[in-house]
């Protein structure tokens, strides 16, 4: 699939980036888009970034059991104390 850039300013920016990095136009575009997507991902709130995890956990069946302090303490009980 080809991308045709009709905007002269965008074309100029991509060519400047490619020259500075010493890469071809495709690599310059790929890296710029990947960096921007990474930046956007980091901009999402923790709540939004964990939506898939929260949905997965919410889909688990309810057991009716309650994990309380005694339960958590029992996980760390050692006989050598």
Protein backbone atom coordinates (compact mmCIF):
# COMPACT_ATOMS: atom_id res chain seq x y z
CA UNK A 1 0.00 0.00 0.00
CA UNK A 2 1.43 3.38 -0.96
CA UNK A 3 1.15 6.69 0.82
CA UNK A 4 1.07 9.78 -1.33
CA UNK A 5 1.90 13.01 0.44
CA UNK A 6 0.42 16.02 -1.32
CA UNK A 7 1.30 18.59 1.30
CA UNK A 8 4.66 20.23 0.50
CA UNK A 9 5.36 21.06 4.17
CA UNK A 10 4.82 17.46 5.25
CA UNK A 11 7.00 16.23 2.39
CA UNK A 12 9.74 18.65 3.42
CA UNK A 13 9.56 17.58 7.08
CA UNK A 14 9.81 13.89 6.21
CA UNK A 15 12.76 14.51 3.90
CA UNK A 16 14.52 16.61 6.58
CA UNK A 17 14.03 13.85 9.15
CA UNK A 18 15.28 11.19 6.73
CA UNK A 19 18.41 13.24 5.93
CA UNK A 20 19.17 13.92 9.59
CA UNK A 21 18.81 10.27 10.53
CA UNK A 22 20.49 8.98 7.38
CA UNK A 23 17.58 6.72 6.50
CA UNK A 24 15.12 6.39 3.63
CA UNK A 25 11.74 8.10 3.52
CA UNK A 26 9.86 4.93 4.49
CA UNK A 27 12.06 4.34 7.52
CA UNK A 28 11.74 7.98 8.56
CA UNK A 29 7.94 7.82 8.34
CA UNK A 30 7.80 4.46 10.16
CA UNK A 31 9.98 5.70 13.00
CA UNK A 32 8.13 9.01 13.32
CA UNK A 33 4.74 7.30 13.42
CA UNK A 34 5.95 4.62 15.86
CA UNK A 35 7.36 7.30 18.17
CA UNK A 36 4.15 9.30 18.04
CA UNK A 37 2.03 6.22 18.77
CA UNK A 38 4.26 5.38 21.73
CA UNK A 39 3.89 8.95 23.01
CA UNK A 40 0.11 8.74 22.65
CA UNK A 41 0.04 5.40 24.49
CA UNK A 42 1.95 6.93 27.38
CA UNK A 43 -0.50 9.84 27.43
CA UNK A 44 -3.42 7.51 28.23
CA UNK A 45 -4.39 7.36 31.86
CA UNK A 46 -3.60 4.26 33.88
CA UNK A 47 -7.34 3.57 33.99
CA UNK A 48 -7.56 3.56 30.19
CA UNK A 49 -4.34 1.55 29.75
CA UNK A 50 -5.63 -1.19 32.05
CA UNK A 51 -9.15 -1.43 30.60
CA UNK A 52 -8.48 -4.81 28.95
CA UNK A 53 -7.06 -6.26 32.18
CA UNK A 54 -9.99 -4.96 34.23
CA UNK A 55 -12.47 -6.40 31.71
CA UNK A 56 -10.75 -9.77 31.86
CA UNK A 57 -10.83 -9.85 35.67
CA UNK A 58 -14.48 -8.74 35.71
CA UNK A 59 -15.34 -11.71 33.50
CA UNK A 60 -14.07 -14.23 36.07
CA UNK A 61 -16.80 -16.03 38.02
CA UNK A 62 -17.51 -14.85 41.54
CA UNK A 63 -16.61 -17.39 44.23
CA UNK A 64 -18.31 -15.71 47.13
CA UNK A 65 -15.10 -16.06 49.13
CA UNK A 66 -13.58 -13.05 50.83
CA UNK A 67 -9.82 -12.54 51.07
CA UNK A 68 -9.20 -10.85 54.40
CA UNK A 69 -6.13 -9.96 56.44
CA UNK A 70 -5.94 -13.43 57.96
CA UNK A 71 -5.84 -14.98 54.49
CA UNK A 72 -3.02 -12.71 53.34
CA UNK A 73 -1.11 -13.23 56.59
CA UNK A 74 -1.41 -16.99 56.14
CA UNK A 75 0.41 -16.74 52.82
CA UNK A 76 3.50 -15.51 54.64
CA UNK A 77 3.35 -17.75 57.72
CA UNK A 78 6.53 -19.71 58.18
CA UNK A 79 7.13 -22.56 60.55
CA UNK A 80 10.66 -21.32 61.30
CA UNK A 81 9.37 -18.32 63.31
